[in-house]
Structures are given as structure tokens and as C-alpha cells.
Amino acid sequence: MEPSRFPERAVPLSAEETAGYFAREKAREVARRFPDCAVLGADTVVASEGAILGKPRDKADAKRTLSALSGRTHE
């Protein structure tokens, strides 16, 4: 497994489109470094009330985010 160096930034897309965009761009970045290899890109995006939640900054932020999502519908 080789992590991508693609920088994630907010993009004006739906959650589903954002996940696809990040997965493609991450795969392209890795493929440029390993041109003779097959590359599979993947990404996960969490959205609640129409807003995409970013990656937690630390464990405390992750705990706050999970608590806020608990018992609520999100995608």
C-alpha cells in the first residue's frame, strides 16, 4: 500500500462526487510515481445536513465529530 500525497481541499461538489474526485486524484498521483503498477484509489467522505465534514484534527476533534453524528442521519 502506498499513500497518496494528493492534498485534500474543499471542492464545490456533492459528497458522492467529492469522494470520487479524491479517489481519482489520489490514484493519479500514486500512478505517476509508480507507472508500471496497477493503482486503485479510494476515499471516504462524511456529510451531515448537506455539509461535508473534514478530517478530524486530533482525537478530541474525532470524538466531538462522532458524538455530533451519533443518532443522527448522515451519509
PDB file of N, CA and C in Angstrom:
ATOM      1  N   MET A   1       0.849  -1.178   0.000  1.00  0.00           N
ATOM      2  CA  MET A   1       0.000   0.000   0.000  1.00  0.00           C
ATOM      3  C   MET A   1       0.891   1.236   0.000  1.00  0.00           C
ATOM      4  N   GLU A   2       0.526   2.187  -0.811  1.00  0.00           N
ATOM      5  CA  GLU A   2       1.288   3.431  -0.929  1.00  0.00           C
ATOM      6  C   GLU A   2       0.320   4.601  -0.759  1.00  0.00           C
ATOM      7  N   PRO A   3       0.466   5.372   0.309  1.00  0.00           N
ATOM      8  CA  PRO A   3      -0.445   6.507   0.491  1.00  0.00           C
ATOM      9  C   PRO A   3      -0.211   7.602  -0.539  1.00  0.00           C
ATOM     10  N   SER A   4      -1.280   8.260  -0.887  1.00  0.00           N
ATOM     11  CA  SER A   4      -1.205   9.371  -1.833  1.00  0.00           C
ATOM     12  C   SER A   4      -0.721  10.633  -1.141  1.00  0.00           C
ATOM     13  N   ARG A   5      -0.077  11.482  -1.915  1.00  0.00           N
ATOM     14  CA  ARG A   5       0.342  12.795  -1.424  1.00  0.00           C
ATOM     15  C   ARG A   5      -0.581  13.899  -1.944  1.00  0.00           C
ATOM     16  N   PHE A   6      -1.701  13.497  -2.534  1.00  0.00           N
ATOM     17  CA  PHE A   6      -2.659  14.467  -3.059  1.00  0.00           C
ATOM     18  C   PHE A   6      -3.240  15.290  -1.910  1.00  0.00           C
ATOM     19  N   PRO A   7      -3.172  16.616  -1.999  1.00  0.00           N
ATOM     20  CA  PRO A   7      -3.697  17.454  -0.910  1.00  0.00           C
ATOM     21  C   PRO A   7      -5.216  17.606  -1.005  1.00  0.00           C
ATOM     22  N   GLU A   8      -5.918  17.177   0.022  1.00  0.00           N
ATOM     23  CA  GLU A   8      -7.372  17.314   0.041  1.00  0.00           C
ATOM     24  C   GLU A   8      -7.746  18.736   0.418  1.00  0.00           C
ATOM     25  N   ARG A   9      -8.579  19.330  -0.409  1.00  0.00           N
ATOM     26  CA  ARG A   9      -9.102  20.668  -0.151  1.00  0.00           C
ATOM     27  C   ARG A   9     -10.588  20.648  -0.464  1.00  0.00           C
ATOM     28  N   ALA A  10     -11.318  21.558   0.126  1.00  0.00           N
ATOM     29  CA  ALA A  10     -12.756  21.639  -0.132  1.00  0.00           C
ATOM     30  C   ALA A  10     -13.000  21.894  -1.617  1.00  0.00           C
ATOM     31  N   VAL A  11     -13.949  21.174  -2.173  1.00  0.00           N
ATOM     32  CA  VAL A  11     -14.334  21.345  -3.574  1.00  0.00           C
ATOM     33  C   VAL A  11     -15.856  21.518  -3.629  1.00  0.00           C
ATOM     34  N   PRO A  12     -16.362  22.269  -4.601  1.00  0.00           N
ATOM     35  CA  PRO A  12     -17.813  22.530  -4.670  1.00  0.00           C
ATOM     36  C   PRO A  12     -18.579  21.382  -5.329  1.00  0.00           C
ATOM     37  N   LEU A  13     -18.551  20.219  -4.693  1.00  0.00           N
ATOM     38  CA  LEU A  13     -19.200  19.020  -5.236  1.00  0.00           C
ATOM     39  C   LEU A  13     -20.044  18.369  -4.145  1.00  0.00           C
ATOM     40  N   SER A  14     -20.931  17.474  -4.549  1.00  0.00           N
ATOM     41  CA  SER A  14     -21.701  16.699  -3.575  1.00  0.00           C
ATOM     42  C   SER A  14     -20.752  15.742  -2.850  1.00  0.00           C
ATOM     43  N   ALA A  15     -21.223  15.141  -1.776  1.00  0.00           N
ATOM     44  CA  ALA A  15     -20.396  14.194  -1.024  1.00  0.00           C
ATOM     45  C   ALA A  15     -19.948  13.036  -1.925  1.00  0.00           C
ATOM     46  N   GLU A  16     -20.885  12.492  -2.696  1.00  0.00           N
ATOM     47  CA  GLU A  16     -20.552  11.370  -3.590  1.00  0.00           C
ATOM     48  C   GLU A  16     -19.530  11.791  -4.645  1.00  0.00           C
ATOM     49  N   GLU A  17     -19.737  12.957  -5.233  1.00  0.00           N
ATOM     50  CA  GLU A  17     -18.802  13.450  -6.247  1.00  0.00           C
ATOM     51  C   GLU A  17     -17.434  13.758  -5.639  1.00  0.00           C
ATOM     52  N   THR A  18     -17.422  14.292  -4.429  1.00  0.00           N
ATOM     53  CA  THR A  18     -16.165  14.603  -3.756  1.00  0.00           C
ATOM     54  C   THR A  18     -15.360  13.335  -3.493  1.00  0.00           C
ATOM     55  N   ALA A  19     -16.012  12.290  -2.999  1.00  0.00           N
ATOM     56  CA  ALA A  19     -15.319  11.027  -2.742  1.00  0.00           C
ATOM     57  C   ALA A  19     -14.727  10.470  -4.034  1.00  0.00           C
ATOM     58  N   GLY A  20     -15.483  10.518  -5.130  1.00  0.00           N
ATOM     59  CA  GLY A  20     -14.975  10.042  -6.421  1.00  0.00           C
ATOM     60  C   GLY A  20     -13.817  10.873  -6.923  1.00  0.00           C
ATOM     61  N   TYR A  21     -13.936  12.177  -6.782  1.00  0.00           N
ATOM     62  CA  TYR A  21     -12.863  13.085  -7.209  1.00  0.00           C
ATOM     63  C   TYR A  21     -11.577  12.812  -6.434  1.00  0.00           C
ATOM     64  N   PHE A  22     -11.685  12.743  -5.107  1.00  0.00           N
ATOM     65  CA  PHE A  22     -10.498  12.479  -4.291  1.00  0.00           C
ATOM     66  C   PHE A  22      -9.895  11.119  -4.623  1.00  0.00           C
ATOM     67  N   ALA A  23     -10.721  10.100  -4.801  1.00  0.00           N
ATOM     68  CA  ALA A  23     -10.213   8.766  -5.129  1.00  0.00           C
ATOM     69  C   ALA A  23      -9.452   8.782  -6.455  1.00  0.00           C
ATOM     70  N   ARG A  24     -10.015   9.431  -7.473  1.00  0.00           N
ATOM     71  CA  ARG A  24      -9.341   9.513  -8.775  1.00  0.00           C
ATOM     72  C   ARG A  24      -8.019  10.268  -8.681  1.00  0.00           C
ATOM     73  N   GLU A  25      -8.050  11.427  -8.018  1.00  0.00           N
ATOM     74  CA  GLU A  25      -6.837  12.236  -7.933  1.00  0.00           C
ATOM     75  C   GLU A  25      -5.753  11.565  -7.099  1.00  0.00           C
ATOM     76  N   LYS A  26      -6.143  10.867  -6.050  1.00  0.00           N
ATOM     77  CA  LYS A  26      -5.171  10.123  -5.239  1.00  0.00           C
ATOM     78  C   LYS A  26      -4.544   9.013  -6.079  1.00  0.00           C
ATOM     79  N   ALA A  27      -5.358   8.300  -6.839  1.00  0.00           N
ATOM     80  CA  ALA A  27      -4.845   7.221  -7.691  1.00  0.00           C
ATOM     81  C   ALA A  27      -3.913   7.781  -8.765  1.00  0.00           C
ATOM     82  N   ARG A  28      -4.283   8.895  -9.368  1.00  0.00           N
ATOM     83  CA  ARG A  28      -3.423   9.507 -10.395  1.00  0.00           C
ATOM     84  C   ARG A  28      -2.071   9.917  -9.823  1.00  0.00           C
ATOM     85  N   GLU A  29      -2.088  10.490  -8.627  1.00  0.00           N
ATOM     86  CA  GLU A  29      -0.836  10.923  -8.005  1.00  0.00           C
ATOM     87  C   GLU A  29       0.079   9.732  -7.740  1.00  0.00           C
ATOM     88  N   VAL A  30      -0.464   8.645  -7.227  1.00  0.00           N
ATOM     89  CA  VAL A  30       0.342   7.451  -6.953  1.00  0.00           C
ATOM     90  C   VAL A  30       0.800   6.818  -8.261  1.00  0.00           C
ATOM     91  N   ALA A  31      -0.072   6.769  -9.261  1.00  0.00           N
ATOM     92  CA  ALA A  31       0.280   6.164 -10.552  1.00  0.00           C
ATOM     93  C   ALA A  31       1.434   6.886 -11.231  1.00  0.00           C
ATOM     94  N   ARG A  32       1.518   8.202 -11.046  1.00  0.00           N
ATOM     95  CA  ARG A  32       2.653   8.943 -11.618  1.00  0.00           C
ATOM     96  C   ARG A  32       3.974   8.495 -11.003  1.00  0.00           C
ATOM     97  N   ARG A  33       3.955   8.125  -9.740  1.00  0.00           N
ATOM     98  CA  ARG A  33       5.178   7.683  -9.060  1.00  0.00           C
ATOM     99  C   ARG A  33       5.498   6.219  -9.338  1.00  0.00           C
ATOM    100  N   PHE A  34       4.482   5.434  -9.694  1.00  0.00           N
ATOM    101  CA  PHE A  34       4.650   4.003  -9.945  1.00  0.00           C
ATOM    102  C   PHE A  34       4.004   3.640 -11.283  1.00  0.00           C
ATOM    103  N   PRO A  35       4.574   4.103 -12.399  1.00  0.00           N
ATOM    104  CA  PRO A  35       3.915   3.942 -13.706  1.00  0.00           C
ATOM    105  C   PRO A  35       3.752   2.495 -14.168  1.00  0.00           C
ATOM    106  N   ASP A  36       4.502   1.563 -13.621  1.00  0.00           N
ATOM    107  CA  ASP A  36       4.399   0.168 -14.046  1.00  0.00           C
ATOM    108  C   ASP A  36       3.466  -0.658 -13.157  1.00  0.00           C
ATOM    109  N   CYS A  37       2.755  -0.019 -12.251  1.00  0.00           N
ATOM    110  CA  CYS A  37       1.885  -0.730 -11.313  1.00  0.00           C
ATOM    111  C   CYS A  37       0.414  -0.393 -11.547  1.00  0.00           C
ATOM    112  N   ALA A  38      -0.433  -1.346 -11.227  1.00  0.00           N
ATOM    113  CA  ALA A  38      -1.873  -1.076 -11.207  1.00  0.00           C
ATOM    114  C   ALA A  38      -2.169  -0.335  -9.912  1.00  0.00           C
ATOM    115  N   VAL A  39      -2.985   0.711  -9.983  1.00  0.00           N
ATOM    116  CA  VAL A  39      -3.276   1.529  -8.811  1.00  0.00           C
ATOM    117  C   VAL A  39      -4.783   1.605  -8.608  1.00  0.00           C
ATOM    118  N   LEU A  40      -5.205   1.425  -7.377  1.00  0.00           N
ATOM    119  CA  LEU A  40      -6.610   1.543  -7.006  1.00  0.00           C
ATOM    120  C   LEU A  40      -6.722   2.680  -6.000  1.00  0.00           C
ATOM    121  N   GLY A  41      -7.557   3.656  -6.288  1.00  0.00           N
ATOM    122  CA  GLY A  41      -7.769   4.771  -5.367  1.00  0.00           C
ATOM    123  C   GLY A  41      -9.109   4.651  -4.679  1.00  0.00           C
ATOM    124  N   ALA A  42      -9.170   5.093  -3.433  1.00  0.00           N
ATOM    125  CA  ALA A  42     -10.420   5.063  -2.677  1.00  0.00           C
ATOM    126  C   ALA A  42     -10.439   6.246  -1.718  1.00  0.00           C
ATOM    127  N   ASP A  43     -11.621   6.661  -1.325  1.00  0.00           N
ATOM    128  CA  ASP A  43     -11.742   7.729  -0.356  1.00  0.00           C
ATOM    129  C   ASP A  43     -13.086   7.622   0.345  1.00  0.00           C
ATOM    130  N   THR A  44     -13.154   8.175   1.524  1.00  0.00           N
ATOM    131  CA  THR A  44     -14.392   8.215   2.296  1.00  0.00           C
ATOM    132  C   THR A  44     -14.688   9.666   2.644  1.00  0.00           C
ATOM    133  N   VAL A  45     -15.933  10.050   2.459  1.00  0.00           N
ATOM    134  CA  VAL A  45     -16.373  11.398   2.798  1.00  0.00           C
ATOM    135  C   VAL A  45     -17.616  11.258   3.673  1.00  0.00           C
ATOM    136  N   VAL A  46     -17.674  12.020   4.745  1.00  0.00           N
ATOM    137  CA  VAL A  46     -18.840  12.013   5.629  1.00  0.00           C
ATOM    138  C   VAL A  46     -19.546  13.361   5.494  1.00  0.00           C
ATOM    139  N   ALA A  47     -20.859  13.300   5.278  1.00  0.00           N
ATOM    140  CA  ALA A  47     -21.649  14.534   5.149  1.00  0.00           C
ATOM    141  C   ALA A  47     -22.833  14.467   6.103  1.00  0.00           C
ATOM    142  N   SER A  48     -23.161  15.616   6.674  1.00  0.00           N
ATOM    143  CA  SER A  48     -24.310  15.728   7.566  1.00  0.00           C
ATOM    144  C   SER A  48     -24.995  17.065   7.286  1.00  0.00           C
ATOM    145  N   GLU A  49     -26.297  17.006   7.110  1.00  0.00           N
ATOM    146  CA  GLU A  49     -27.094  18.201   6.828  1.00  0.00           C
ATOM    147  C   GLU A  49     -26.545  18.991   5.644  1.00  0.00           C
ATOM    148  N   GLY A  50     -26.110  18.280   4.614  1.00  0.00           N
ATOM    149  CA  GLY A  50     -25.628  18.907   3.394  1.00  0.00           C
ATOM    150  C   GLY A  50     -24.207  19.422   3.442  1.00  0.00           C
ATOM    151  N   ALA A  51     -23.530  19.283   4.573  1.00  0.00           N
ATOM    152  CA  ALA A  51     -22.153  19.766   4.697  1.00  0.00           C
ATOM    153  C   ALA A  51     -21.194  18.596   4.811  1.00  0.00           C
ATOM    154  N   ILE A  52     -20.105  18.668   4.066  1.00  0.00           N
ATOM    155  CA  ILE A  52     -19.078  17.634   4.137  1.00  0.00           C
ATOM    156  C   ILE A  52     -18.185  17.939   5.333  1.00  0.00           C
ATOM    157  N   LEU A  53     -17.994  16.938   6.173  1.00  0.00           N
ATOM    158  CA  LEU A  53     -17.147  17.111   7.351  1.00  0.00           C
ATOM    159  C   LEU A  53     -15.709  16.784   6.974  1.00  0.00           C
ATOM    160  N   GLY A  54     -14.808  17.599   7.377  1.00  0.00           N
ATOM    161  CA  GLY A  54     -13.396  17.361   7.092  1.00  0.00           C
ATOM    162  C   GLY A  54     -12.811  16.305   8.013  1.00  0.00           C
ATOM    163  N   LYS A  55     -11.565  15.964   7.756  1.00  0.00           N
ATOM    164  CA  LYS A  55     -10.873  15.015   8.611  1.00  0.00           C
ATOM    165  C   LYS A  55     -10.666  15.631   9.988  1.00  0.00           C
ATOM    166  N   PRO A  56     -10.819  14.840  11.036  1.00  0.00           N
ATOM    167  CA  PRO A  56     -10.584  15.370  12.384  1.00  0.00           C
ATOM    168  C   PRO A  56      -9.130  15.820  12.547  1.00  0.00           C
ATOM    169  N   ARG A  57      -8.941  16.894  13.304  1.00  0.00           N
ATOM    170  CA  ARG A  57      -7.590  17.415  13.532  1.00  0.00           C
ATOM    171  C   ARG A  57      -6.812  16.567  14.527  1.00  0.00           C
ATOM    172  N   ASP A  58      -7.548  15.965  15.470  1.00  0.00           N
ATOM    173  CA  ASP A  58      -6.906  15.159  16.509  1.00  0.00           C
ATOM    174  C   ASP A  58      -7.960  14.234  17.113  1.00  0.00           C
ATOM    175  N   LYS A  59      -7.571  13.463  18.138  1.00  0.00           N
ATOM    176  CA  LYS A  59      -8.509  12.515  18.756  1.00  0.00           C
ATOM    177  C   LYS A  59      -9.702  13.226  19.388  1.00  0.00           C
ATOM    178  N   ALA A  60      -9.466  14.364  20.016  1.00  0.00           N
ATOM    179  CA  ALA A  60     -10.560  15.098  20.648  1.00  0.00           C
ATOM    180  C   ALA A  60     -11.567  15.585  19.600  1.00  0.00           C
ATOM    181  N   ASP A  61     -11.066  16.049  18.462  1.00  0.00           N
ATOM    182  CA  ASP A  61     -11.937  16.502  17.378  1.00  0.00           C
ATOM    183  C   ASP A  61     -12.720  15.328  16.810  1.00  0.00           C
ATOM    184  N   ALA A  62     -12.079  14.180  16.667  1.00  0.00           N
ATOM    185  CA  ALA A  62     -12.766  12.977  16.173  1.00  0.00           C
ATOM    186  C   ALA A  62     -13.879  12.579  17.130  1.00  0.00           C
ATOM    187  N   LYS A  63     -13.606  12.649  18.414  1.00  0.00           N
ATOM    188  CA  LYS A  63     -14.613  12.293  19.415  1.00  0.00           C
ATOM    189  C   LYS A  63     -15.805  13.254  19.344  1.00  0.00           C
ATOM    190  N   ARG A  64     -15.549  14.560  19.188  1.00  0.00           N
ATOM    191  CA  ARG A  64     -16.626  15.547  19.063  1.00  0.00           C
ATOM    192  C   ARG A  64     -17.471  15.265  17.811  1.00  0.00           C
ATOM    193  N   THR A  65     -16.782  14.967  16.711  1.00  0.00           N
ATOM    194  CA  THR A  65     -17.498  14.699  15.464  1.00  0.00           C
ATOM    195  C   THR A  65     -18.381  13.468  15.595  1.00  0.00           C
ATOM    196  N   LEU A  66     -17.830  12.388  16.136  1.00  0.00           N
ATOM    197  CA  LEU A  66     -18.619  11.162  16.289  1.00  0.00           C
ATOM    198  C   LEU A  66     -19.792  11.378  17.243  1.00  0.00           C
ATOM    199  N   SER A  67     -19.593  12.142  18.300  1.00  0.00           N
ATOM    200  CA  SER A  67     -20.686  12.439  19.231  1.00  0.00           C
ATOM    201  C   SER A  67     -21.780  13.249  18.536  1.00  0.00           C
ATOM    202  N   ALA A  68     -21.379  14.212  17.708  1.00  0.00           N
ATOM    203  CA  ALA A  68     -22.347  15.042  16.987  1.00  0.00           C
ATOM    204  C   ALA A  68     -23.156  14.214  15.984  1.00  0.00           C
ATOM    205  N   LEU A  69     -22.534  13.188  15.410  1.00  0.00           N
ATOM    206  CA  LEU A  69     -23.220  12.350  14.418  1.00  0.00           C
ATOM    207  C   LEU A  69     -24.052  11.249  15.062  1.00  0.00           C
ATOM    208  N   SER A  70     -23.769  10.902  16.284  1.00  0.00           N
ATOM    209  CA  SER A  70     -24.442   9.796  16.962  1.00  0.00           C
ATOM    210  C   SER A  70     -25.946  10.012  16.995  1.00  0.00           C
ATOM    211  N   GLY A  71     -26.678   9.028  16.495  1.00  0.00           N
ATOM    212  CA  GLY A  71     -28.135   9.082  16.499  1.00  0.00           C
ATOM    213  C   GLY A  71     -28.739   9.971  15.438  1.00  0.00           C
ATOM    214  N   ARG A  72     -27.910  10.541  14.571  1.00  0.00           N
ATOM    215  CA  ARG A  72     -28.385  11.423  13.509  1.00  0.00           C
ATOM    216  C   ARG A  72     -28.115  10.776  12.158  1.00  0.00           C
ATOM    217  N   THR A  73     -28.932  11.117  11.191  1.00  0.00           N
ATOM    218  CA  THR A  73     -28.730  10.619   9.832  1.00  0.00           C
ATOM    219  C   THR A  73     -27.606  11.380   9.182  1.00  0.00           C
ATOM    220  N   HIS A  74     -26.702  10.649   8.582  1.00  0.00           N
ATOM    221  CA  HIS A  74     -25.609  11.250   7.832  1.00  0.00           C
ATOM    222  C   HIS A  74     -25.230  10.292   6.709  1.00  0.00           C
ATOM    223  N   GLU A  75     -24.466  10.776   5.777  1.00  0.00           N
ATOM    224  CA  GLU A  75     -24.049   9.904   4.661  1.00  0.00           C
ATOM    225  C   GLU A  75     -22.553   9.932   4.538  1.00  0.00           C
TER     226      GLU A  75
END
